[in-house]
């Protein structure tokens, strides 16, 4: 029987190559899954941090920052008329959620996080009318406990992906728009 330079026969070499390829393939699949789970864990953590910052902001100002183009409108203050201030959108991954008029006051979120795959267009989505808010992300894994089909049904855009996870101010449902929720409340109160 002819042996190669490692001392294996042809059939043994083919078998070993097959085993190595199988192990490498299995490892790569598990590695990809681990990276996905880590990105989803980061998204959940980011949304919790933004939620906590928004709740602290509301505690100090008695309202939530409004939304502008899916971002938190609490940066770049401009006085448009005497005592009327308009805020621009805070950029994910660049700006802080802070009292824009008092730079000495500690920020509510030092650096608003951005989606781990922002370089591929993924982003968080913020919706607010000042009284209520919703903050959304798109988890990659449908097997995540927080994956919400009710949010998916809304078809909200989280940077080219459909949002499927979120948090709200506590009373606002995530599977309805804030306007729908407020209309339901008004109908109940009539």
C-alpha atoms as a PDB file:
ATOM      1  CA  UNK A   1       0.000   0.000   0.000  1.00  0.00           C
ATOM      2  CA  UNK A   2       1.381   3.349  -1.055  1.00  0.00           C
ATOM      3  CA  UNK A   3       1.738   5.952   1.708  1.00  0.00           C
ATOM      4  CA  UNK A   4       2.041   9.745   1.394  1.00  0.00           C
ATOM      5  CA  UNK A   5       4.675  11.820   3.164  1.00  0.00           C
ATOM      6  CA  UNK A   6       2.539  11.871   6.366  1.00  0.00           C
ATOM      7  CA  UNK A   7       2.294   8.102   6.436  1.00  0.00           C
ATOM      8  CA  UNK A   8      -1.370   7.796   5.403  1.00  0.00           C
ATOM      9  CA  UNK A   9      -2.823   5.867   2.514  1.00  0.00           C
ATOM     10  CA  UNK A  10      -4.889   7.669  -0.143  1.00  0.00           C
ATOM     11  CA  UNK A  11      -8.203   6.654   1.425  1.00  0.00           C
ATOM     12  CA  UNK A  12      -7.023   7.658   4.879  1.00  0.00           C
ATOM     13  CA  UNK A  13      -5.899  11.068   3.546  1.00  0.00           C
ATOM     14  CA  UNK A  14      -9.268  11.699   1.880  1.00  0.00           C
ATOM     15  CA  UNK A  15     -11.074  10.688   5.075  1.00  0.00           C
ATOM     16  CA  UNK A  16      -8.902  13.025   7.185  1.00  0.00           C
ATOM     17  CA  UNK A  17      -9.457  15.913   4.773  1.00  0.00           C
ATOM     18  CA  UNK A  18     -13.222  15.288   4.950  1.00  0.00           C
ATOM     19  CA  UNK A  19     -13.122  15.265   8.764  1.00  0.00           C
ATOM     20  CA  UNK A  20     -11.062  18.479   8.873  1.00  0.00           C
ATOM     21  CA  UNK A  21     -13.427  20.213   6.429  1.00  0.00           C
ATOM     22  CA  UNK A  22     -16.424  19.092   8.484  1.00  0.00           C
ATOM     23  CA  UNK A  23     -14.886  20.411  11.715  1.00  0.00           C
ATOM     24  CA  UNK A  24     -13.915  23.711  10.064  1.00  0.00           C
ATOM     25  CA  UNK A  25     -17.400  24.137   8.542  1.00  0.00           C
ATOM     26  CA  UNK A  26     -19.121  23.352  11.832  1.00  0.00           C
ATOM     27  CA  UNK A  27     -16.822  25.782  13.658  1.00  0.00           C
ATOM     28  CA  UNK A  28     -17.518  28.568  11.160  1.00  0.00           C
ATOM     29  CA  UNK A  29     -21.281  28.073  11.458  1.00  0.00           C
ATOM     30  CA  UNK A  30     -21.089  28.208  15.256  1.00  0.00           C
ATOM     31  CA  UNK A  31     -18.803  31.228  15.099  1.00  0.00           C
ATOM     32  CA  UNK A  32     -21.257  33.080  12.833  1.00  0.00           C
ATOM     33  CA  UNK A  33     -24.100  32.238  15.233  1.00  0.00           C
ATOM     34  CA  UNK A  34     -22.040  33.467  18.197  1.00  0.00           C
ATOM     35  CA  UNK A  35     -21.303  36.771  16.429  1.00  0.00           C
ATOM     36  CA  UNK A  36     -25.006  37.205  15.626  1.00  0.00           C
ATOM     37  CA  UNK A  37     -25.995  36.542  19.237  1.00  0.00           C
ATOM     38  CA  UNK A  38     -23.357  39.002  20.456  1.00  0.00           C
ATOM     39  CA  UNK A  39     -24.660  41.709  18.088  1.00  0.00           C
ATOM     40  CA  UNK A  40     -28.232  41.066  19.255  1.00  0.00           C
ATOM     41  CA  UNK A  41     -27.142  41.231  22.910  1.00  0.00           C
ATOM     42  CA  UNK A  42     -25.471  44.566  22.143  1.00  0.00           C
ATOM     43  CA  UNK A  43     -28.669  45.866  20.518  1.00  0.00           C
ATOM     44  CA  UNK A  44     -30.722  44.896  23.577  1.00  0.00           C
ATOM     45  CA  UNK A  45     -28.207  46.568  25.882  1.00  0.00           C
ATOM     46  CA  UNK A  46     -28.156  49.713  23.723  1.00  0.00           C
ATOM     47  CA  UNK A  47     -31.939  49.994  23.701  1.00  0.00           C
ATOM     48  CA  UNK A  48     -32.012  49.566  27.506  1.00  0.00           C
ATOM     49  CA  UNK A  49     -29.396  52.313  27.913  1.00  0.00           C
ATOM     50  CA  UNK A  50     -31.333  54.667  25.616  1.00  0.00           C
ATOM     51  CA  UNK A  51     -34.567  53.812  27.467  1.00  0.00           C
ATOM     52  CA  UNK A  52     -32.950  54.575  30.846  1.00  0.00           C
ATOM     53  CA  UNK A  53     -31.574  57.872  29.523  1.00  0.00           C
ATOM     54  CA  UNK A  54     -34.945  58.885  28.089  1.00  0.00           C
ATOM     55  CA  UNK A  55     -36.703  58.110  31.371  1.00  0.00           C
ATOM     56  CA  UNK A  56     -34.159  60.252  33.289  1.00  0.00           C
ATOM     57  CA  UNK A  57     -34.576  63.033  30.700  1.00  0.00           C
ATOM     58  CA  UNK A  58     -38.351  62.897  31.163  1.00  0.00           C
ATOM     59  CA  UNK A  59     -37.934  62.998  34.938  1.00  0.00           C
ATOM     60  CA  UNK A  60     -35.994  66.274  34.648  1.00  0.00           C
ATOM     61  CA  UNK A  61     -37.956  67.956  31.824  1.00  0.00           C
ATOM     62  CA  UNK A  62     -41.466  66.430  32.242  1.00  0.00           C
ATOM     63  CA  UNK A  63     -41.474  65.375  28.593  1.00  0.00           C
ATOM     64  CA  UNK A  64     -39.500  63.176  26.238  1.00  0.00           C
ATOM     65  CA  UNK A  65     -37.466  64.610  23.395  1.00  0.00           C
ATOM     66  CA  UNK A  66     -39.434  64.626  20.153  1.00  0.00           C
ATOM     67  CA  UNK A  67     -38.359  62.541  17.188  1.00  0.00           C
ATOM     68  CA  UNK A  68     -36.891  63.849  13.969  1.00  0.00           C
ATOM     69  CA  UNK A  69     -36.181  61.483  11.072  1.00  0.00           C
ATOM     70  CA  UNK A  70     -36.115  58.478  13.426  1.00  0.00           C
ATOM     71  CA  UNK A  71     -33.609  60.125  15.742  1.00  0.00           C
ATOM     72  CA  UNK A  72     -33.849  61.828  19.117  1.00  0.00           C
ATOM     73  CA  UNK A  73     -34.319  65.581  18.606  1.00  0.00           C
ATOM     74  CA  UNK A  74     -32.354  66.910  21.578  1.00  0.00           C
ATOM     75  CA  UNK A  75     -29.115  68.197  20.050  1.00  0.00           C
ATOM     76  CA  UNK A  76     -27.922  71.358  18.324  1.00  0.00           C
ATOM     77  CA  UNK A  77     -30.352  73.827  19.987  1.00  0.00           C
ATOM     78  CA  UNK A  78     -31.327  76.897  17.969  1.00  0.00           C
ATOM     79  CA  UNK A  79     -33.403  79.799  19.148  1.00  0.00           C
ATOM     80  CA  UNK A  80     -35.841  80.566  16.333  1.00  0.00           C
ATOM     81  CA  UNK A  81     -37.784  83.210  18.253  1.00  0.00           C
ATOM     82  CA  UNK A  82     -37.359  84.702  21.665  1.00  0.00           C
ATOM     83  CA  UNK A  83     -37.542  81.790  24.145  1.00  0.00           C
ATOM     84  CA  UNK A  84     -38.503  79.304  21.397  1.00  0.00           C
ATOM     85  CA  UNK A  85     -35.804  76.678  20.957  1.00  0.00           C
ATOM     86  CA  UNK A  86     -35.765  74.022  18.265  1.00  0.00           C
ATOM     87  CA  UNK A  87     -33.505  70.993  18.583  1.00  0.00           C
ATOM     88  CA  UNK A  88     -31.848  69.054  15.819  1.00  0.00           C
ATOM     89  CA  UNK A  89     -31.472  65.261  15.629  1.00  0.00           C
ATOM     90  CA  UNK A  90     -28.820  63.558  17.739  1.00  0.00           C
ATOM     91  CA  UNK A  91     -26.625  61.268  15.677  1.00  0.00           C
ATOM     92  CA  UNK A  92     -26.349  57.646  16.746  1.00  0.00           C
ATOM     93  CA  UNK A  93     -22.806  56.858  17.836  1.00  0.00           C
ATOM     94  CA  UNK A  94     -21.715  60.501  17.870  1.00  0.00           C
ATOM     95  CA  UNK A  95     -23.895  62.666  20.122  1.00  0.00           C
ATOM     96  CA  UNK A  96     -24.875  62.508  23.765  1.00  0.00           C
ATOM     97  CA  UNK A  97     -28.396  62.646  25.122  1.00  0.00           C
ATOM     98  CA  UNK A  98     -27.921  65.595  27.447  1.00  0.00           C
ATOM     99  CA  UNK A  99     -29.328  68.925  28.504  1.00  0.00           C
ATOM    100  CA  UNK A 100     -28.171  70.784  25.415  1.00  0.00           C
ATOM    101  CA  UNK A 101     -28.535  74.143  27.162  1.00  0.00           C
ATOM    102  CA  UNK A 102     -26.453  73.186  30.219  1.00  0.00           C
ATOM    103  CA  UNK A 103     -23.155  71.581  29.192  1.00  0.00           C
ATOM    104  CA  UNK A 104     -22.137  71.198  32.858  1.00  0.00           C
ATOM    105  CA  UNK A 105     -25.069  68.886  33.644  1.00  0.00           C
ATOM    106  CA  UNK A 106     -24.081  65.211  33.304  1.00  0.00           C
ATOM    107  CA  UNK A 107     -25.451  63.527  30.158  1.00  0.00           C
ATOM    108  CA  UNK A 108     -28.300  61.043  30.351  1.00  0.00           C
ATOM    109  CA  UNK A 109     -26.485  58.886  27.790  1.00  0.00           C
ATOM    110  CA  UNK A 110     -22.866  59.921  27.233  1.00  0.00           C
ATOM    111  CA  UNK A 111     -22.759  58.597  23.673  1.00  0.00           C
ATOM    112  CA  UNK A 112     -25.979  57.471  22.017  1.00  0.00           C
ATOM    113  CA  UNK A 113     -25.138  53.978  20.798  1.00  0.00           C
ATOM    114  CA  UNK A 114     -25.522  52.919  17.211  1.00  0.00           C
ATOM    115  CA  UNK A 115     -26.402  49.539  15.788  1.00  0.00           C
ATOM    116  CA  UNK A 116     -23.421  47.141  15.711  1.00  0.00           C
ATOM    117  CA  UNK A 117     -23.918  46.854  11.951  1.00  0.00           C
ATOM    118  CA  UNK A 118     -24.310  50.574  11.298  1.00  0.00           C
ATOM    119  CA  UNK A 119     -21.648  50.271   8.600  1.00  0.00           C
ATOM    120  CA  UNK A 120     -24.113  48.042   6.716  1.00  0.00           C
ATOM    121  CA  UNK A 121     -26.923  50.584   7.111  1.00  0.00           C
ATOM    122  CA  UNK A 122     -28.624  49.165  10.234  1.00  0.00           C
ATOM    123  CA  UNK A 123     -29.904  51.795  12.642  1.00  0.00           C
ATOM    124  CA  UNK A 124     -32.138  52.323  15.632  1.00  0.00           C
ATOM    125  CA  UNK A 125     -35.503  54.030  15.208  1.00  0.00           C
ATOM    126  CA  UNK A 126     -36.908  56.568  17.667  1.00  0.00           C
ATOM    127  CA  UNK A 127     -40.539  57.714  17.568  1.00  0.00           C
ATOM    128  CA  UNK A 128     -41.919  60.308  19.988  1.00  0.00           C
ATOM    129  CA  UNK A 129     -44.537  63.004  20.268  1.00  0.00           C
ATOM    130  CA  UNK A 130     -43.005  64.382  23.475  1.00  0.00           C
ATOM    131  CA  UNK A 131     -45.516  62.606  25.740  1.00  0.00           C
ATOM    132  CA  UNK A 132     -44.727  59.035  24.688  1.00  0.00           C
ATOM    133  CA  UNK A 133     -41.830  57.313  22.961  1.00  0.00           C
ATOM    134  CA  UNK A 134     -40.905  54.098  21.221  1.00  0.00           C
ATOM    135  CA  UNK A 135     -37.343  53.005  20.457  1.00  0.00           C
ATOM    136  CA  UNK A 136     -36.754  50.111  18.054  1.00  0.00           C
ATOM    137  CA  UNK A 137     -34.002  47.861  16.718  1.00  0.00           C
ATOM    138  CA  UNK A 138     -33.808  44.944  14.306  1.00  0.00           C
ATOM    139  CA  UNK A 139     -32.534  41.769  15.956  1.00  0.00           C
ATOM    140  CA  UNK A 140     -30.959  39.293  13.559  1.00  0.00           C
ATOM    141  CA  UNK A 141     -32.223  36.200  15.369  1.00  0.00           C
ATOM    142  CA  UNK A 142     -35.908  35.338  15.226  1.00  0.00           C
ATOM    143  CA  UNK A 143     -35.198  32.879  18.045  1.00  0.00           C
ATOM    144  CA  UNK A 144     -34.462  35.735  20.475  1.00  0.00           C
ATOM    145  CA  UNK A 145     -36.997  35.959  23.329  1.00  0.00           C
ATOM    146  CA  UNK A 146     -37.511  39.677  22.665  1.00  0.00           C
ATOM    147  CA  UNK A 147     -38.289  39.200  18.944  1.00  0.00           C
ATOM    148  CA  UNK A 148     -41.800  40.662  18.588  1.00  0.00           C
ATOM    149  CA  UNK A 149     -43.994  39.689  15.592  1.00  0.00           C
ATOM    150  CA  UNK A 150     -46.367  42.536  16.525  1.00  0.00           C
ATOM    151  CA  UNK A 151     -43.590  45.026  15.817  1.00  0.00           C
ATOM    152  CA  UNK A 152     -42.703  43.206  12.584  1.00  0.00           C
ATOM    153  CA  UNK A 153     -46.313  43.640  11.411  1.00  0.00           C
ATOM    154  CA  UNK A 154     -45.827  47.435  11.557  1.00  0.00           C
ATOM    155  CA  UNK A 155     -43.010  47.164   8.986  1.00  0.00           C
ATOM    156  CA  UNK A 156     -40.944  49.918  10.588  1.00  0.00           C
ATOM    157  CA  UNK A 157     -37.588  50.583   8.926  1.00  0.00           C
ATOM    158  CA  UNK A 158     -34.471  50.084  11.057  1.00  0.00           C
ATOM    159  CA  UNK A 159     -32.004  50.964   8.323  1.00  0.00           C
ATOM    160  CA  UNK A 160     -33.069  48.585   5.576  1.00  0.00           C
ATOM    161  CA  UNK A 161     -34.236  45.951   8.041  1.00  0.00           C
ATOM    162  CA  UNK A 162     -37.661  45.503   9.569  1.00  0.00           C
ATOM    163  CA  UNK A 163     -37.668  46.484  13.257  1.00  0.00           C
ATOM    164  CA  UNK A 164     -38.639  43.581  15.537  1.00  0.00           C
ATOM    165  CA  UNK A 165     -37.609  44.626  19.060  1.00  0.00           C
ATOM    166  CA  UNK A 166     -38.204  47.715  21.113  1.00  0.00           C
ATOM    167  CA  UNK A 167     -39.023  49.523  24.323  1.00  0.00           C
ATOM    168  CA  UNK A 168     -41.483  52.270  25.084  1.00  0.00           C
ATOM    169  CA  UNK A 169     -42.184  54.684  27.891  1.00  0.00           C
ATOM    170  CA  UNK A 170     -43.982  51.887  29.713  1.00  0.00           C
ATOM    171  CA  UNK A 171     -47.563  52.479  28.741  1.00  0.00           C
ATOM    172  CA  UNK A 172     -47.291  52.892  24.977  1.00  0.00           C
ATOM    173  CA  UNK A 173     -47.643  49.562  23.146  1.00  0.00           C
ATOM    174  CA  UNK A 174     -44.962  48.723  20.604  1.00  0.00           C
ATOM    175  CA  UNK A 175     -47.286  47.109  18.081  1.00  0.00           C
ATOM    176  CA  UNK A 176     -49.241  50.360  17.506  1.00  0.00           C
ATOM    177  CA  UNK A 177     -48.281  53.852  16.506  1.00  0.00           C
ATOM    178  CA  UNK A 178     -48.311  56.498  19.212  1.00  0.00           C
ATOM    179  CA  UNK A 179     -51.112  58.224  17.316  1.00  0.00           C
ATOM    180  CA  UNK A 180     -53.236  55.042  17.305  1.00  0.00           C
ATOM    181  CA  UNK A 181     -52.608  54.600  21.023  1.00  0.00           C
ATOM    182  CA  UNK A 182     -53.562  58.204  21.814  1.00  0.00           C
ATOM    183  CA  UNK A 183     -56.710  57.924  19.650  1.00  0.00           C
ATOM    184  CA  UNK A 184     -57.748  54.806  21.598  1.00  0.00           C
ATOM    185  CA  UNK A 185     -57.201  56.630  24.890  1.00  0.00           C
ATOM    186  CA  UNK A 186     -59.240  59.604  23.708  1.00  0.00           C
ATOM    187  CA  UNK A 187     -62.074  57.309  22.575  1.00  0.00           C
ATOM    188  CA  UNK A 188     -62.127  55.606  25.997  1.00  0.00           C
ATOM    189  CA  UNK A 189     -62.207  58.943  27.798  1.00  0.00           C
ATOM    190  CA  UNK A 190     -65.218  60.277  25.830  1.00  0.00           C
END
